[in-house]
């Protein structure tokens, strides 16, 4: 049995789970998400807990067992509490601002870079921290990665955009000449 797949998923208070065949719909205070289970994975709901079982020990189905357990957990947490990623930017003249539903980045290029917020994603900028929030963990992570890709941290001065908990690799500059020349 899969170590991840066999773990039960608790349904958070305020979240409803509707099962229609292999289609599962999660509804909470922040919105709703849906998920389509593969035929090889069966879902049982009992006493506020979801358990997944599989009908085969094939390697691909074992992998799907753990994957769909995590996807269900992420959907339940997403519609109840939401997900967020924080990015930090550093550099002279670097600026970020939110206009309507898009993030405008001034990162030293000759033009500002605009990133349009996908459906159910919100941006927030305070000081030098950009917050990406939403109910779908995968979309939040992808949008944060796209923002980071605009200006990755360079290794010498540390200027650029990074995740708040990321520790960028620093390189030393040119080594100073030694005083051994005669």
Protein backbone atom coordinates (compact mmCIF):
# COMPACT_ATOMS: atom_id res chain seq x y z
CA UNK A 1 0.00 0.00 0.00
CA UNK A 2 1.21 3.50 -0.78
CA UNK A 3 2.48 5.34 2.30
CA UNK A 4 0.90 8.59 1.14
CA UNK A 5 -2.19 7.11 -0.53
CA UNK A 6 -3.30 5.11 2.50
CA UNK A 7 -3.44 8.16 4.78
CA UNK A 8 -6.97 9.44 5.39
CA UNK A 9 -7.94 12.98 4.37
CA UNK A 10 -9.99 14.87 6.93
CA UNK A 11 -12.75 17.08 5.56
CA UNK A 12 -12.35 20.52 7.12
CA UNK A 13 -15.46 22.02 8.70
CA UNK A 14 -17.35 24.16 6.21
CA UNK A 15 -16.23 22.13 3.17
CA UNK A 16 -18.68 19.95 1.26
CA UNK A 17 -17.57 17.11 -0.99
CA UNK A 18 -19.94 15.99 -3.78
CA UNK A 19 -19.15 12.76 -5.63
CA UNK A 20 -20.76 12.05 -9.00
CA UNK A 21 -19.19 8.88 -10.42
CA UNK A 22 -15.49 9.67 -10.76
CA UNK A 23 -16.04 13.46 -10.66
CA UNK A 24 -15.48 15.07 -7.25
CA UNK A 25 -16.49 18.65 -6.42
CA UNK A 26 -15.17 20.52 -3.37
CA UNK A 27 -17.08 23.59 -2.16
CA UNK A 28 -15.93 25.89 0.64
CA UNK A 29 -16.07 29.47 1.81
CA UNK A 30 -13.46 30.64 -0.76
CA UNK A 31 -14.92 28.92 -3.82
CA UNK A 32 -15.14 25.55 -5.48
CA UNK A 33 -12.77 23.15 -7.20
CA UNK A 34 -13.42 19.94 -9.11
CA UNK A 35 -11.31 16.86 -9.75
CA UNK A 36 -11.72 13.83 -12.01
CA UNK A 37 -10.51 10.57 -10.44
CA UNK A 38 -9.09 7.80 -12.63
CA UNK A 39 -11.16 4.60 -12.86
CA UNK A 40 -8.52 2.62 -10.97
CA UNK A 41 -8.91 4.80 -7.82
CA UNK A 42 -12.01 4.47 -5.60
CA UNK A 43 -13.01 7.08 -3.03
CA UNK A 44 -15.01 6.42 0.15
CA UNK A 45 -16.36 9.11 2.48
CA UNK A 46 -17.20 8.10 6.05
CA UNK A 47 -17.45 10.15 9.26
CA UNK A 48 -15.84 13.27 7.78
CA UNK A 49 -12.86 11.33 6.41
CA UNK A 50 -11.96 10.44 2.82
CA UNK A 51 -10.10 7.21 2.09
CA UNK A 52 -8.74 6.19 -1.28
CA UNK A 53 -8.23 2.63 -2.47
CA UNK A 54 -6.85 1.22 -5.70
CA UNK A 55 -7.85 -1.90 -7.59
CA UNK A 56 -4.39 -2.91 -8.86
CA UNK A 57 -0.78 -3.02 -7.75
CA UNK A 58 0.52 -1.80 -11.11
CA UNK A 59 3.36 0.74 -10.73
CA UNK A 60 1.47 3.53 -12.52
CA UNK A 61 -1.67 3.00 -10.42
CA UNK A 62 0.37 2.97 -7.20
CA UNK A 63 1.80 6.36 -8.20
CA UNK A 64 -1.68 7.71 -9.00
CA UNK A 65 -2.93 6.53 -5.59
CA UNK A 66 -0.60 8.87 -3.69
CA UNK A 67 -0.97 11.67 -6.23
CA UNK A 68 -4.76 11.83 -6.03
CA UNK A 69 -4.72 11.65 -2.23
CA UNK A 70 -2.52 14.78 -2.18
CA UNK A 71 -4.62 16.52 -4.86
CA UNK A 72 -7.77 15.91 -2.79
CA UNK A 73 -6.07 17.23 0.35
CA UNK A 74 -4.84 20.34 -1.50
CA UNK A 75 -8.33 21.00 -2.89
CA UNK A 76 -9.95 20.73 0.56
CA UNK A 77 -7.40 23.09 2.15
CA UNK A 78 -7.64 25.44 -0.84
CA UNK A 79 -11.41 25.97 -0.69
CA UNK A 80 -11.31 26.32 3.12
CA UNK A 81 -8.17 28.39 3.81
CA UNK A 82 -6.54 29.12 0.44
CA UNK A 83 -2.91 28.96 -0.65
CA UNK A 84 -0.33 31.70 -0.96
CA UNK A 85 3.26 32.15 -2.10
CA UNK A 86 5.42 35.11 -1.15
CA UNK A 87 8.20 36.51 -3.30
CA UNK A 88 10.84 39.05 -2.32
CA UNK A 89 12.51 41.45 -4.75
CA UNK A 90 15.68 43.46 -4.27
CA UNK A 91 17.46 45.96 -6.50
CA UNK A 92 17.94 49.68 -7.05
CA UNK A 93 14.88 51.14 -8.75
CA UNK A 94 12.96 47.85 -8.71
CA UNK A 95 9.27 48.36 -8.06
CA UNK A 96 6.09 46.26 -8.13
CA UNK A 97 2.49 47.44 -8.05
CA UNK A 98 -0.98 46.01 -8.53
CA UNK A 99 -3.25 47.67 -11.12
CA UNK A 100 -6.76 46.19 -11.41
CA UNK A 101 -6.13 42.44 -11.79
CA UNK A 102 -2.55 42.60 -13.04
CA UNK A 103 0.87 42.88 -11.46
CA UNK A 104 3.17 45.52 -12.98
CA UNK A 105 6.89 44.93 -12.41
CA UNK A 106 9.57 47.57 -13.00
CA UNK A 107 12.72 45.44 -12.89
CA UNK A 108 15.32 47.54 -14.69
CA UNK A 109 14.16 46.73 -18.21
CA UNK A 110 13.30 49.43 -20.74
CA UNK A 111 9.64 48.57 -20.26
CA UNK A 112 7.42 47.45 -17.36
CA UNK A 113 6.47 43.77 -17.27
CA UNK A 114 2.74 43.11 -16.78
CA UNK A 115 1.48 39.78 -15.45
CA UNK A 116 -2.27 39.23 -15.75
CA UNK A 117 -3.87 37.39 -12.81
CA UNK A 118 -5.57 34.13 -13.82
CA UNK A 119 -9.09 33.40 -12.59
CA UNK A 120 -9.33 33.14 -8.76
CA UNK A 121 -5.77 34.49 -8.21
CA UNK A 122 -5.04 37.73 -6.36
CA UNK A 123 -1.84 39.78 -6.05
CA UNK A 124 -0.78 41.93 -3.12
CA UNK A 125 2.37 44.04 -2.78
CA UNK A 126 3.64 45.38 0.55
CA UNK A 127 7.09 47.02 0.71
CA UNK A 128 9.24 44.60 -1.29
CA UNK A 129 7.12 41.44 -0.87
CA UNK A 130 4.76 40.17 -3.59
CA UNK A 131 2.00 37.81 -2.37
CA UNK A 132 0.23 35.48 -4.80
CA UNK A 133 -2.95 33.97 -3.28
CA UNK A 134 -5.68 31.65 -4.54
CA UNK A 135 -7.55 28.40 -3.94
CA UNK A 136 -5.73 26.14 -6.43
CA UNK A 137 -2.25 25.27 -5.14
CA UNK A 138 -0.91 24.32 -8.58
CA UNK A 139 -2.00 27.60 -10.19
CA UNK A 140 -0.63 29.68 -7.30
CA UNK A 141 2.74 27.94 -7.58
CA UNK A 142 2.86 28.33 -11.37
CA UNK A 143 2.02 32.05 -11.27
CA UNK A 144 4.68 32.59 -8.56
CA UNK A 145 7.23 30.73 -10.70
CA UNK A 146 6.32 32.90 -13.72
CA UNK A 147 6.84 36.06 -11.64
CA UNK A 148 10.20 34.77 -10.39
CA UNK A 149 11.25 33.99 -13.96
CA UNK A 150 10.92 37.68 -14.95
CA UNK A 151 14.15 38.57 -13.08
CA UNK A 152 15.83 35.64 -11.27
CA UNK A 153 18.34 36.50 -8.56
CA UNK A 154 21.80 37.07 -9.98
CA UNK A 155 24.61 35.41 -8.00
CA UNK A 156 26.96 38.39 -7.44
CA UNK A 157 24.86 41.17 -5.89
CA UNK A 158 21.68 39.22 -5.15
CA UNK A 159 19.43 41.53 -7.19
CA UNK A 160 16.22 40.05 -8.58
CA UNK A 161 13.09 38.17 -7.50
CA UNK A 162 13.22 35.17 -5.17
CA UNK A 163 10.87 33.17 -2.97
CA UNK A 164 10.74 34.54 0.57
CA UNK A 165 12.33 31.39 2.06
CA UNK A 166 14.83 30.83 -0.79
CA UNK A 167 18.52 31.28 -0.07
CA UNK A 168 20.19 32.24 -3.36
CA UNK A 169 23.69 31.05 -4.11
CA UNK A 170 26.24 33.84 -3.80
CA UNK A 171 29.47 33.96 -5.81
CA UNK A 172 32.56 35.96 -5.05
CA UNK A 173 33.60 38.62 -7.52
CA UNK A 174 37.02 38.78 -9.13
CA UNK A 175 39.79 37.93 -6.72
CA UNK A 176 41.99 40.88 -5.85
CA UNK A 177 45.56 40.72 -7.16
CA UNK A 178 48.02 39.68 -4.54
CA UNK A 179 50.97 41.80 -3.59
CA UNK A 180 53.49 39.15 -4.73
CA UNK A 181 54.42 40.88 -7.98
CA UNK A 182 57.95 42.20 -7.91
